[in-house]
Amino acid sequence: MRIRSAVVVALVCMACTTIPVIPVAAQGKFQIESADTIKSVLERQMGKAVRLRLQSGEEVGGTVTKVGDQVVHLSELAGREFFDAVVRIDGISAVILRTRGN
């Protein structure tokens, strides 16, 4: 019984000392500015993967390739890697971003 307790304590100690420490800056905190719009948020995400929640409730994900005055071009669509999409900016209700790793 004592050996089993000692093994459990040793495993807990090892687990606590091997947990990787991630600096706050590496977590990619996202902040909005007071004058931000959907367009300005998308412009800052150029080349990055995002998911867009449309006003219809549907979601579309991909890499932001270009942001125009009225539309955004997404490439490498999630689940449809050989397709691109053009989405009306005024039809977007949310931009969903990945800000932390696994």
N, C-alpha and C. Protein backbone atom coordinates (compact mmCIF):
# COMPACT_ATOMS: atom_id res chain seq x y z
N MET A 1 0.82 -1.20 0.00
CA MET A 1 0.00 0.00 0.00
C MET A 1 0.86 1.26 0.00
N ARG A 2 1.95 1.23 0.79
CA ARG A 2 2.85 2.40 0.84
C ARG A 2 3.55 2.62 -0.49
N ILE A 3 3.89 1.54 -1.15
CA ILE A 3 4.56 1.65 -2.44
C ILE A 3 3.61 2.29 -3.45
N ARG A 4 2.36 1.87 -3.44
CA ARG A 4 1.37 2.43 -4.37
C ARG A 4 1.19 3.93 -4.11
N SER A 5 1.13 4.33 -2.86
CA SER A 5 1.00 5.76 -2.51
C SER A 5 2.22 6.54 -2.97
N ALA A 6 3.39 5.96 -2.78
CA ALA A 6 4.62 6.63 -3.18
C ALA A 6 4.67 6.80 -4.70
N VAL A 7 4.21 5.79 -5.43
CA VAL A 7 4.19 5.88 -6.89
C VAL A 7 3.22 6.96 -7.35
N VAL A 8 2.06 7.03 -6.73
CA VAL A 8 1.08 8.05 -7.08
C VAL A 8 1.63 9.44 -6.81
N VAL A 9 2.25 9.64 -5.65
CA VAL A 9 2.84 10.94 -5.31
C VAL A 9 3.95 11.29 -6.31
N ALA A 10 4.77 10.32 -6.68
CA ALA A 10 5.85 10.58 -7.63
C ALA A 10 5.29 10.97 -9.00
N LEU A 11 4.24 10.30 -9.44
CA LEU A 11 3.63 10.62 -10.73
C LEU A 11 3.01 12.01 -10.72
N VAL A 12 2.36 12.37 -9.63
CA VAL A 12 1.77 13.70 -9.52
C VAL A 12 2.86 14.76 -9.55
N CYS A 13 3.94 14.54 -8.83
CA CYS A 13 5.06 15.50 -8.84
C CYS A 13 5.68 15.64 -10.22
N MET A 14 5.83 14.52 -10.92
CA MET A 14 6.40 14.57 -12.27
C MET A 14 5.46 15.32 -13.21
N ALA A 15 4.17 15.09 -13.09
CA ALA A 15 3.20 15.77 -13.95
C ALA A 15 3.23 17.27 -13.71
N CYS A 16 3.36 17.66 -12.47
CA CYS A 16 3.37 19.10 -12.14
C CYS A 16 4.62 19.79 -12.65
N THR A 17 5.74 19.08 -12.70
CA THR A 17 6.98 19.71 -13.13
C THR A 17 7.18 19.65 -14.63
N THR A 18 6.41 18.82 -15.34
CA THR A 18 6.60 18.71 -16.79
C THR A 18 5.55 19.46 -17.58
N ILE A 19 4.65 20.17 -16.93
CA ILE A 19 3.64 20.95 -17.65
C ILE A 19 4.35 22.13 -18.32
N PRO A 20 4.22 22.28 -19.64
CA PRO A 20 4.91 23.37 -20.31
C PRO A 20 4.34 24.73 -19.91
N VAL A 21 5.25 25.66 -19.74
CA VAL A 21 4.84 27.03 -19.40
C VAL A 21 4.83 27.83 -20.69
N ILE A 22 3.67 28.43 -21.01
CA ILE A 22 3.52 29.20 -22.23
C ILE A 22 3.46 30.67 -21.86
N PRO A 23 4.37 31.49 -22.38
CA PRO A 23 4.32 32.91 -22.07
C PRO A 23 3.02 33.52 -22.57
N VAL A 24 2.57 34.55 -21.89
CA VAL A 24 1.31 35.22 -22.26
C VAL A 24 1.39 35.74 -23.69
N ALA A 25 2.52 36.27 -24.10
CA ALA A 25 2.66 36.82 -25.45
C ALA A 25 2.49 35.74 -26.52
N ALA A 26 2.84 34.50 -26.19
CA ALA A 26 2.73 33.42 -27.17
C ALA A 26 1.29 32.95 -27.35
N GLN A 27 0.40 33.36 -26.47
CA GLN A 27 -0.98 32.92 -26.58
C GLN A 27 -1.74 33.67 -27.66
N GLY A 28 -1.20 34.73 -28.20
CA GLY A 28 -1.84 35.43 -29.30
C GLY A 28 -3.11 36.14 -28.88
N LYS A 29 -3.06 36.86 -27.78
CA LYS A 29 -4.25 37.58 -27.32
C LYS A 29 -4.76 38.50 -28.41
N PHE A 30 -6.06 38.49 -28.57
CA PHE A 30 -6.70 39.34 -29.56
C PHE A 30 -7.38 40.49 -28.85
N GLN A 31 -7.18 41.68 -29.36
CA GLN A 31 -7.83 42.85 -28.78
C GLN A 31 -8.52 43.63 -29.88
N ILE A 32 -9.66 44.21 -29.54
CA ILE A 32 -10.33 45.06 -30.51
C ILE A 32 -10.08 46.51 -30.15
N GLU A 33 -10.15 47.34 -31.15
CA GLU A 33 -10.03 48.79 -30.98
C GLU A 33 -11.43 49.38 -30.97
N SER A 34 -11.57 50.56 -30.41
CA SER A 34 -12.91 51.16 -30.30
C SER A 34 -13.55 51.44 -31.65
N ALA A 35 -12.75 51.68 -32.68
CA ALA A 35 -13.28 52.00 -34.00
C ALA A 35 -13.35 50.78 -34.93
N ASP A 36 -13.12 49.57 -34.40
CA ASP A 36 -13.10 48.37 -35.23
C ASP A 36 -14.45 48.09 -35.88
N THR A 37 -14.36 47.53 -37.08
CA THR A 37 -15.51 47.03 -37.82
C THR A 37 -15.17 45.59 -38.23
N ILE A 38 -16.14 44.90 -38.77
CA ILE A 38 -15.86 43.55 -39.29
C ILE A 38 -14.75 43.63 -40.33
N LYS A 39 -14.79 44.65 -41.16
CA LYS A 39 -13.78 44.81 -42.22
C LYS A 39 -12.39 45.00 -41.62
N SER A 40 -12.24 45.86 -40.62
CA SER A 40 -10.92 46.12 -40.05
C SER A 40 -10.37 44.88 -39.32
N VAL A 41 -11.25 44.13 -38.68
CA VAL A 41 -10.82 42.89 -38.03
C VAL A 41 -10.33 41.91 -39.08
N LEU A 42 -11.06 41.77 -40.18
CA LEU A 42 -10.66 40.86 -41.25
C LEU A 42 -9.34 41.31 -41.88
N GLU A 43 -9.14 42.61 -42.04
CA GLU A 43 -7.90 43.10 -42.63
C GLU A 43 -6.69 42.72 -41.77
N ARG A 44 -6.85 42.74 -40.45
CA ARG A 44 -5.75 42.36 -39.57
C ARG A 44 -5.50 40.85 -39.58
N GLN A 45 -6.45 40.09 -40.10
CA GLN A 45 -6.31 38.63 -40.15
C GLN A 45 -5.85 38.11 -41.51
N MET A 46 -5.37 39.01 -42.37
CA MET A 46 -4.91 38.60 -43.70
C MET A 46 -3.89 37.46 -43.59
N GLY A 47 -4.11 36.39 -44.37
CA GLY A 47 -3.21 35.25 -44.37
C GLY A 47 -3.46 34.26 -43.25
N LYS A 48 -4.43 34.54 -42.40
CA LYS A 48 -4.72 33.66 -41.26
C LYS A 48 -6.07 32.98 -41.46
N ALA A 49 -6.23 31.86 -40.78
CA ALA A 49 -7.49 31.11 -40.85
C ALA A 49 -8.51 31.73 -39.91
N VAL A 50 -9.73 31.89 -40.40
CA VAL A 50 -10.85 32.40 -39.59
C VAL A 50 -12.09 31.59 -39.92
N ARG A 51 -13.09 31.72 -39.06
CA ARG A 51 -14.43 31.20 -39.35
C ARG A 51 -15.36 32.39 -39.30
N LEU A 52 -16.25 32.47 -40.26
CA LEU A 52 -17.21 33.57 -40.32
C LEU A 52 -18.60 33.02 -40.04
N ARG A 53 -19.26 33.60 -39.08
CA ARG A 53 -20.66 33.25 -38.83
C ARG A 53 -21.49 34.24 -39.63
N LEU A 54 -22.29 33.72 -40.53
CA LEU A 54 -23.10 34.57 -41.38
C LEU A 54 -24.43 34.88 -40.68
N GLN A 55 -25.09 35.92 -41.13
CA GLN A 55 -26.37 36.30 -40.54
C GLN A 55 -27.41 35.20 -40.71
N SER A 56 -27.22 34.34 -41.69
CA SER A 56 -28.14 33.21 -41.91
C SER A 56 -27.94 32.11 -40.87
N GLY A 57 -26.85 32.20 -40.08
CA GLY A 57 -26.54 31.18 -39.09
C GLY A 57 -25.50 30.19 -39.55
N GLU A 58 -25.25 30.16 -40.86
CA GLU A 58 -24.26 29.26 -41.43
C GLU A 58 -22.86 29.76 -41.07
N GLU A 59 -21.88 28.84 -40.99
CA GLU A 59 -20.49 29.20 -40.77
C GLU A 59 -19.66 28.77 -41.96
N VAL A 60 -18.69 29.59 -42.31
CA VAL A 60 -17.74 29.25 -43.36
C VAL A 60 -16.35 29.61 -42.83
N GLY A 61 -15.41 28.70 -43.05
CA GLY A 61 -14.06 28.92 -42.56
C GLY A 61 -13.06 28.83 -43.68
N GLY A 62 -11.98 29.58 -43.56
CA GLY A 62 -10.93 29.56 -44.55
C GLY A 62 -9.86 30.59 -44.21
N THR A 63 -8.96 30.78 -45.15
CA THR A 63 -7.87 31.74 -44.98
C THR A 63 -8.24 33.05 -45.65
N VAL A 64 -8.10 34.15 -44.90
CA VAL A 64 -8.42 35.47 -45.45
C VAL A 64 -7.36 35.82 -46.49
N THR A 65 -7.80 35.98 -47.73
CA THR A 65 -6.89 36.27 -48.83
C THR A 65 -6.91 37.75 -49.20
N LYS A 66 -8.09 38.33 -49.27
CA LYS A 66 -8.22 39.74 -49.63
C LYS A 66 -9.51 40.29 -49.04
N VAL A 67 -9.44 41.54 -48.59
CA VAL A 67 -10.61 42.22 -48.04
C VAL A 67 -10.89 43.44 -48.89
N GLY A 68 -12.06 43.48 -49.49
CA GLY A 68 -12.47 44.62 -50.29
C GLY A 68 -13.41 45.51 -49.50
N ASP A 69 -13.99 46.49 -50.16
CA ASP A 69 -14.92 47.38 -49.49
C ASP A 69 -16.20 46.67 -49.08
N GLN A 70 -16.64 45.72 -49.89
CA GLN A 70 -17.92 45.06 -49.62
C GLN A 70 -17.83 43.55 -49.46
N VAL A 71 -16.71 42.95 -49.86
CA VAL A 71 -16.58 41.50 -49.80
C VAL A 71 -15.22 41.09 -49.25
N VAL A 72 -15.17 39.85 -48.75
CA VAL A 72 -13.91 39.25 -48.32
C VAL A 72 -13.71 37.95 -49.10
N HIS A 73 -12.48 37.70 -49.52
CA HIS A 73 -12.14 36.49 -50.27
C HIS A 73 -11.49 35.51 -49.30
N LEU A 74 -12.08 34.32 -49.18
CA LEU A 74 -11.51 33.25 -48.37
C LEU A 74 -11.00 32.15 -49.29
N SER A 75 -9.79 31.68 -49.04
CA SER A 75 -9.26 30.54 -49.79
C SER A 75 -9.09 29.36 -48.84
N GLU A 76 -8.81 28.20 -49.40
CA GLU A 76 -8.60 26.97 -48.62
C GLU A 76 -9.73 26.77 -47.61
N LEU A 77 -10.94 26.72 -48.11
CA LEU A 77 -12.11 26.57 -47.25
C LEU A 77 -12.02 25.30 -46.41
N ALA A 78 -12.43 25.41 -45.17
CA ALA A 78 -12.43 24.26 -44.27
C ALA A 78 -13.39 23.20 -44.80
N GLY A 79 -12.87 22.00 -45.01
CA GLY A 79 -13.69 20.92 -45.54
C GLY A 79 -13.84 20.95 -47.04
N ARG A 80 -13.37 22.00 -47.68
CA ARG A 80 -13.43 22.15 -49.14
C ARG A 80 -12.15 22.83 -49.61
N GLU A 81 -11.03 22.20 -49.38
CA GLU A 81 -9.71 22.80 -49.61
C GLU A 81 -9.47 23.26 -51.04
N PHE A 82 -10.21 22.73 -52.01
CA PHE A 82 -10.00 23.10 -53.40
C PHE A 82 -10.94 24.21 -53.85
N PHE A 83 -11.65 24.81 -52.90
CA PHE A 83 -12.62 25.85 -53.22
C PHE A 83 -12.25 27.15 -52.52
N ASP A 84 -12.70 28.26 -53.09
CA ASP A 84 -12.61 29.58 -52.49
C ASP A 84 -14.02 30.12 -52.30
N ALA A 85 -14.13 31.18 -51.52
CA ALA A 85 -15.44 31.81 -51.32
C ALA A 85 -15.27 33.32 -51.28
N VAL A 86 -16.29 34.01 -51.73
CA VAL A 86 -16.39 35.46 -51.61
C VAL A 86 -17.64 35.72 -50.78
N VAL A 87 -17.45 36.42 -49.66
CA VAL A 87 -18.55 36.64 -48.71
C VAL A 87 -18.78 38.13 -48.56
N ARG A 88 -20.04 38.52 -48.59
CA ARG A 88 -20.39 39.93 -48.37
C ARG A 88 -20.11 40.30 -46.92
N ILE A 89 -19.38 41.38 -46.71
CA ILE A 89 -19.02 41.79 -45.36
C ILE A 89 -20.27 42.15 -44.55
N ASP A 90 -21.26 42.76 -45.19
CA ASP A 90 -22.46 43.14 -44.44
C ASP A 90 -23.33 41.93 -44.09
N GLY A 91 -22.97 40.75 -44.58
CA GLY A 91 -23.69 39.53 -44.24
C GLY A 91 -23.03 38.72 -43.13
N ILE A 92 -21.93 39.27 -42.55
CA ILE A 92 -21.19 38.57 -41.51
C ILE A 92 -21.66 39.08 -40.15
N SER A 93 -22.01 38.16 -39.26
CA SER A 93 -22.41 38.59 -37.92
C SER A 93 -21.30 38.38 -36.90
N ALA A 94 -20.30 37.50 -37.19
CA ALA A 94 -19.20 37.29 -36.26
C ALA A 94 -17.98 36.76 -36.99
N VAL A 95 -16.80 37.15 -36.52
CA VAL A 95 -15.54 36.61 -37.00
C VAL A 95 -14.97 35.79 -35.85
N ILE A 96 -14.75 34.51 -36.09
CA ILE A 96 -14.26 33.61 -35.05
C ILE A 96 -12.79 33.32 -35.33
N LEU A 97 -11.94 33.62 -34.33
CA LEU A 97 -10.49 33.53 -34.50
C LEU A 97 -9.92 32.51 -33.53
N ARG A 98 -8.88 31.83 -33.96
CA ARG A 98 -8.14 30.96 -33.04
C ARG A 98 -7.05 31.80 -32.43
N THR A 99 -7.07 31.92 -31.11
CA THR A 99 -6.08 32.77 -30.44
C THR A 99 -5.14 32.00 -29.54
N ARG A 100 -5.44 30.72 -29.27
CA ARG A 100 -4.58 29.92 -28.42
C ARG A 100 -4.36 28.57 -29.07
N GLY A 101 -3.21 27.97 -28.75
CA GLY A 101 -2.89 26.65 -29.28
C GLY A 101 -3.65 25.57 -28.55
N ASN A 102 -3.35 24.33 -28.89
CA ASN A 102 -4.06 23.18 -28.27
C ASN A 102 -3.82 23.12 -26.81
